[in-house]
């Protein structure tokens, strides 16, 4: 049985979701994917973000035109969600990754 992890939403995530709502983007699919990370930290389609500073690990999960950027801390049983940048060339800029 998979244990439930605590989900931590960074302020940058709240800001991204608010912006998407203002742009009339339906965020229900994104919200559902974020909530599912409590139980399944590595769902189909996830991947590691490469070329980060040593010791920094971020994961990505594509959802439509956006990617959920998150981190899993197994020792603390925590999933930290940093944001949902649009899938484009600036997706992996430090600000989008919570750095």
N, C-alpha and C. Protein backbone atom coordinates (compact mmCIF):
# COMPACT_ATOMS: atom_id res chain seq x y z
N UNK A 1 0.84 -1.19 0.00
CA UNK A 1 0.00 0.00 0.00
C UNK A 1 0.89 1.25 0.00
N UNK A 2 0.58 2.21 -0.83
CA UNK A 2 1.33 3.44 -0.92
C UNK A 2 0.86 4.40 0.16
N UNK A 3 1.84 4.97 0.87
CA UNK A 3 1.47 5.91 1.93
C UNK A 3 1.20 7.29 1.34
N UNK A 4 0.43 8.05 2.08
CA UNK A 4 0.10 9.40 1.64
C UNK A 4 1.18 10.37 2.12
N UNK A 5 1.71 11.16 1.21
CA UNK A 5 2.70 12.17 1.54
C UNK A 5 1.99 13.50 1.78
N UNK A 6 2.65 14.36 2.53
CA UNK A 6 2.14 15.71 2.75
C UNK A 6 2.43 16.54 1.50
N UNK A 7 1.48 17.32 1.08
CA UNK A 7 1.64 18.16 -0.11
C UNK A 7 1.88 19.61 0.34
N UNK A 8 3.00 20.18 -0.08
CA UNK A 8 3.33 21.56 0.25
C UNK A 8 3.24 22.39 -1.03
N UNK A 9 2.40 23.40 -1.00
CA UNK A 9 2.23 24.29 -2.16
C UNK A 9 3.00 25.58 -1.90
N UNK A 10 4.03 25.81 -2.70
CA UNK A 10 4.83 27.03 -2.56
C UNK A 10 4.02 28.23 -3.05
N UNK A 11 4.33 29.43 -2.57
CA UNK A 11 3.62 30.64 -3.02
C UNK A 11 3.68 30.81 -4.55
N UNK A 12 4.78 30.38 -5.16
CA UNK A 12 4.90 30.50 -6.62
C UNK A 12 3.83 29.66 -7.34
N UNK A 13 3.44 28.53 -6.76
CA UNK A 13 2.39 27.70 -7.35
C UNK A 13 1.06 28.43 -7.27
N UNK A 14 0.76 28.99 -6.12
CA UNK A 14 -0.50 29.72 -5.96
C UNK A 14 -0.58 30.88 -6.95
N UNK A 15 0.55 31.54 -7.15
CA UNK A 15 0.61 32.65 -8.10
C UNK A 15 0.36 32.16 -9.53
N UNK A 16 0.99 31.05 -9.90
CA UNK A 16 0.79 30.48 -11.25
C UNK A 16 -0.67 30.11 -11.48
N UNK A 17 -1.27 29.45 -10.50
CA UNK A 17 -2.67 29.02 -10.66
C UNK A 17 -3.62 30.22 -10.76
N UNK A 18 -3.34 31.25 -9.98
CA UNK A 18 -4.17 32.45 -10.04
C UNK A 18 -4.06 33.12 -11.41
N UNK A 19 -2.85 33.17 -11.95
CA UNK A 19 -2.64 33.74 -13.28
C UNK A 19 -3.37 32.94 -14.34
N UNK A 20 -3.30 31.62 -14.26
CA UNK A 20 -3.99 30.78 -15.24
C UNK A 20 -5.50 30.99 -15.17
N UNK A 21 -6.03 31.13 -13.96
CA UNK A 21 -7.47 31.37 -13.80
C UNK A 21 -7.86 32.69 -14.44
N UNK A 22 -7.01 33.72 -14.25
CA UNK A 22 -7.29 35.02 -14.87
C UNK A 22 -7.24 34.94 -16.40
N UNK A 23 -6.44 34.01 -16.91
CA UNK A 23 -6.33 33.83 -18.36
C UNK A 23 -7.40 32.86 -18.88
N UNK A 24 -8.35 32.52 -18.04
CA UNK A 24 -9.47 31.65 -18.38
C UNK A 24 -9.03 30.25 -18.77
N UNK A 25 -7.96 29.77 -18.13
CA UNK A 25 -7.49 28.40 -18.33
C UNK A 25 -8.16 27.52 -17.28
N UNK A 26 -8.74 26.41 -17.71
CA UNK A 26 -9.36 25.47 -16.78
C UNK A 26 -8.23 24.74 -16.04
N UNK A 27 -8.12 24.99 -14.74
CA UNK A 27 -7.03 24.41 -13.95
C UNK A 27 -7.43 23.11 -13.24
N UNK A 28 -8.61 22.60 -13.52
CA UNK A 28 -9.08 21.40 -12.80
C UNK A 28 -8.17 20.19 -13.05
N UNK A 29 -7.70 20.01 -14.27
CA UNK A 29 -6.82 18.88 -14.58
C UNK A 29 -5.47 19.04 -13.88
N UNK A 30 -4.97 20.28 -13.84
CA UNK A 30 -3.70 20.55 -13.15
C UNK A 30 -3.87 20.30 -11.65
N UNK A 31 -4.95 20.81 -11.07
CA UNK A 31 -5.21 20.62 -9.64
C UNK A 31 -5.32 19.14 -9.29
N UNK A 32 -6.01 18.37 -10.14
CA UNK A 32 -6.17 16.93 -9.90
C UNK A 32 -4.81 16.22 -9.96
N UNK A 33 -3.98 16.61 -10.91
CA UNK A 33 -2.65 16.00 -11.02
C UNK A 33 -1.78 16.34 -9.82
N UNK A 34 -1.89 17.57 -9.33
CA UNK A 34 -1.13 17.97 -8.14
C UNK A 34 -1.59 17.15 -6.94
N UNK A 35 -2.89 17.03 -6.75
CA UNK A 35 -3.41 16.26 -5.61
C UNK A 35 -3.00 14.79 -5.69
N UNK A 36 -2.94 14.25 -6.89
CA UNK A 36 -2.58 12.83 -7.04
C UNK A 36 -1.13 12.55 -6.65
N UNK A 37 -0.30 13.60 -6.62
CA UNK A 37 1.11 13.42 -6.22
C UNK A 37 1.23 12.98 -4.76
N UNK A 38 0.19 13.19 -3.97
CA UNK A 38 0.21 12.72 -2.57
C UNK A 38 0.41 11.21 -2.50
N UNK A 39 -0.21 10.50 -3.43
CA UNK A 39 -0.20 9.03 -3.41
C UNK A 39 0.75 8.42 -4.43
N UNK A 40 0.95 9.10 -5.55
CA UNK A 40 1.80 8.58 -6.61
C UNK A 40 2.79 9.66 -7.02
N UNK A 41 3.96 9.62 -6.42
CA UNK A 41 4.95 10.67 -6.66
C UNK A 41 5.61 10.58 -8.03
N UNK A 42 5.51 9.43 -8.66
CA UNK A 42 6.17 9.23 -9.96
C UNK A 42 5.17 8.68 -10.98
N UNK A 43 4.16 9.48 -11.34
CA UNK A 43 3.14 9.00 -12.29
C UNK A 43 3.70 8.89 -13.71
N UNK A 44 2.96 8.24 -14.59
CA UNK A 44 3.36 8.15 -15.99
C UNK A 44 3.64 9.52 -16.55
N UNK A 45 4.76 9.66 -17.24
CA UNK A 45 5.11 10.93 -17.88
C UNK A 45 6.06 11.79 -17.08
N UNK A 46 6.34 11.45 -15.83
CA UNK A 46 7.23 12.27 -15.00
C UNK A 46 8.66 12.15 -15.53
N UNK A 47 9.47 13.13 -15.17
CA UNK A 47 10.88 13.10 -15.53
C UNK A 47 11.68 14.02 -14.65
N UNK A 48 12.99 13.81 -14.64
CA UNK A 48 13.88 14.68 -13.88
C UNK A 48 14.25 15.88 -14.73
N UNK A 49 14.41 17.01 -14.10
CA UNK A 49 14.90 18.20 -14.79
C UNK A 49 16.42 18.18 -14.64
N UNK A 50 17.10 18.25 -15.76
CA UNK A 50 18.56 18.14 -15.75
C UNK A 50 19.20 19.53 -15.75
N UNK A 51 20.52 19.53 -15.64
CA UNK A 51 21.33 20.75 -15.66
C UNK A 51 21.00 21.71 -14.52
N UNK A 52 20.75 21.16 -13.35
CA UNK A 52 20.50 21.96 -12.16
C UNK A 52 21.76 21.97 -11.30
N UNK A 53 21.88 22.93 -10.39
CA UNK A 53 23.03 22.93 -9.49
C UNK A 53 23.12 21.62 -8.71
N UNK A 54 24.34 21.25 -8.33
CA UNK A 54 24.56 20.01 -7.59
C UNK A 54 23.75 20.01 -6.30
N UNK A 55 23.09 18.91 -6.04
CA UNK A 55 22.29 18.78 -4.83
C UNK A 55 20.85 19.23 -4.98
N UNK A 56 20.50 19.79 -6.13
CA UNK A 56 19.13 20.25 -6.37
C UNK A 56 18.45 19.26 -7.31
N UNK A 57 17.32 18.76 -6.90
CA UNK A 57 16.57 17.84 -7.75
C UNK A 57 15.14 18.31 -7.89
N UNK A 58 14.72 18.50 -9.11
CA UNK A 58 13.34 18.87 -9.41
C UNK A 58 12.80 17.87 -10.43
N UNK A 59 11.53 17.59 -10.31
CA UNK A 59 10.85 16.69 -11.24
C UNK A 59 9.81 17.48 -12.00
N UNK A 60 9.40 16.93 -13.13
CA UNK A 60 8.39 17.59 -13.95
C UNK A 60 7.33 16.58 -14.34
N UNK A 61 6.13 17.08 -14.45
CA UNK A 61 5.01 16.26 -14.89
C UNK A 61 4.19 17.08 -15.87
N UNK A 62 4.19 16.68 -17.15
CA UNK A 62 3.40 17.44 -18.12
C UNK A 62 1.90 17.23 -17.93
N UNK A 63 1.17 18.36 -17.99
CA UNK A 63 -0.29 18.34 -17.93
C UNK A 63 -0.77 19.36 -18.96
N UNK A 64 -1.24 18.88 -20.08
CA UNK A 64 -1.66 19.80 -21.16
C UNK A 64 -0.50 20.66 -21.62
N UNK A 65 -0.71 21.96 -21.66
CA UNK A 65 0.33 22.90 -22.11
C UNK A 65 1.26 23.33 -20.99
N UNK A 66 1.13 22.73 -19.82
CA UNK A 66 1.92 23.14 -18.66
C UNK A 66 2.68 21.96 -18.08
N UNK A 67 3.62 22.26 -17.21
CA UNK A 67 4.37 21.23 -16.50
C UNK A 67 4.33 21.55 -15.01
N UNK A 68 4.01 20.56 -14.23
CA UNK A 68 4.08 20.71 -12.78
C UNK A 68 5.54 20.49 -12.39
N UNK A 69 6.11 21.45 -11.70
CA UNK A 69 7.49 21.35 -11.22
C UNK A 69 7.42 21.05 -9.73
N UNK A 70 8.04 19.91 -9.33
CA UNK A 70 7.93 19.50 -7.94
C UNK A 70 9.18 18.77 -7.46
N UNK A 71 9.22 18.53 -6.16
CA UNK A 71 10.33 17.84 -5.52
C UNK A 71 9.73 16.82 -4.55
N UNK A 72 10.35 15.66 -4.45
CA UNK A 72 9.92 14.63 -3.51
C UNK A 72 11.00 14.47 -2.45
N UNK A 73 10.58 14.55 -1.20
CA UNK A 73 11.49 14.30 -0.07
C UNK A 73 10.96 13.06 0.66
N UNK A 74 11.53 11.91 0.31
CA UNK A 74 11.03 10.64 0.84
C UNK A 74 11.24 10.51 2.34
N UNK A 75 12.36 11.01 2.87
CA UNK A 75 12.61 10.88 4.31
C UNK A 75 11.53 11.58 5.13
N UNK A 76 11.11 12.76 4.66
CA UNK A 76 10.08 13.52 5.38
C UNK A 76 8.67 13.19 4.90
N UNK A 77 8.56 12.37 3.84
CA UNK A 77 7.27 12.03 3.22
C UNK A 77 6.52 13.29 2.81
N UNK A 78 7.23 14.13 2.02
CA UNK A 78 6.69 15.41 1.59
C UNK A 78 6.88 15.56 0.08
N UNK A 79 5.87 16.12 -0.57
CA UNK A 79 5.97 16.53 -1.97
C UNK A 79 5.82 18.05 -1.98
N UNK A 80 6.81 18.74 -2.54
CA UNK A 80 6.79 20.20 -2.61
C UNK A 80 6.52 20.58 -4.07
N UNK A 81 5.46 21.33 -4.30
CA UNK A 81 5.11 21.75 -5.66
C UNK A 81 5.48 23.23 -5.80
N UNK A 82 6.33 23.52 -6.79
CA UNK A 82 6.87 24.87 -6.98
C UNK A 82 6.08 25.72 -7.95
N UNK A 83 5.51 25.11 -8.97
CA UNK A 83 4.78 25.91 -9.94
C UNK A 83 4.30 25.08 -11.12
N UNK A 84 3.59 25.75 -12.03
CA UNK A 84 3.10 25.12 -13.25
C UNK A 84 3.41 26.02 -14.44
N UNK A 85 4.69 26.11 -14.82
CA UNK A 85 5.03 26.96 -15.96
C UNK A 85 4.51 26.35 -17.27
N UNK A 86 4.31 27.22 -18.22
CA UNK A 86 3.90 26.79 -19.56
C UNK A 86 5.05 26.04 -20.21
N UNK A 87 4.75 25.04 -21.02
CA UNK A 87 5.77 24.25 -21.69
C UNK A 87 6.36 25.06 -22.85
N UNK A 88 7.47 25.74 -22.58
CA UNK A 88 8.16 26.50 -23.62
C UNK A 88 9.62 26.67 -23.22
N UNK A 89 10.31 27.58 -23.87
CA UNK A 89 11.75 27.72 -23.63
C UNK A 89 12.10 28.25 -22.25
N UNK A 90 11.20 28.92 -21.55
CA UNK A 90 11.55 29.43 -20.22
C UNK A 90 11.04 28.54 -19.09
N UNK A 91 10.53 27.38 -19.44
CA UNK A 91 9.99 26.47 -18.43
C UNK A 91 10.99 26.19 -17.33
N UNK A 92 12.26 26.04 -17.68
CA UNK A 92 13.24 25.61 -16.70
C UNK A 92 14.19 26.71 -16.26
N UNK A 93 13.75 27.94 -16.31
CA UNK A 93 14.53 29.03 -15.76
C UNK A 93 14.48 28.93 -14.24
N UNK A 94 15.53 29.39 -13.54
CA UNK A 94 15.60 29.24 -12.08
C UNK A 94 14.33 29.66 -11.33
N UNK A 95 13.71 30.75 -11.75
CA UNK A 95 12.51 31.23 -11.05
C UNK A 95 11.39 30.21 -11.13
N UNK A 96 11.25 29.53 -12.26
CA UNK A 96 10.20 28.52 -12.43
C UNK A 96 10.46 27.27 -11.62
N UNK A 97 11.71 27.08 -11.20
CA UNK A 97 12.09 25.87 -10.49
C UNK A 97 12.19 26.06 -8.99
N UNK A 98 11.83 27.25 -8.52
CA UNK A 98 11.91 27.50 -7.09
C UNK A 98 13.33 27.70 -6.59
N UNK A 99 14.21 28.14 -7.48
CA UNK A 99 15.61 28.38 -7.09
C UNK A 99 15.88 29.84 -6.85
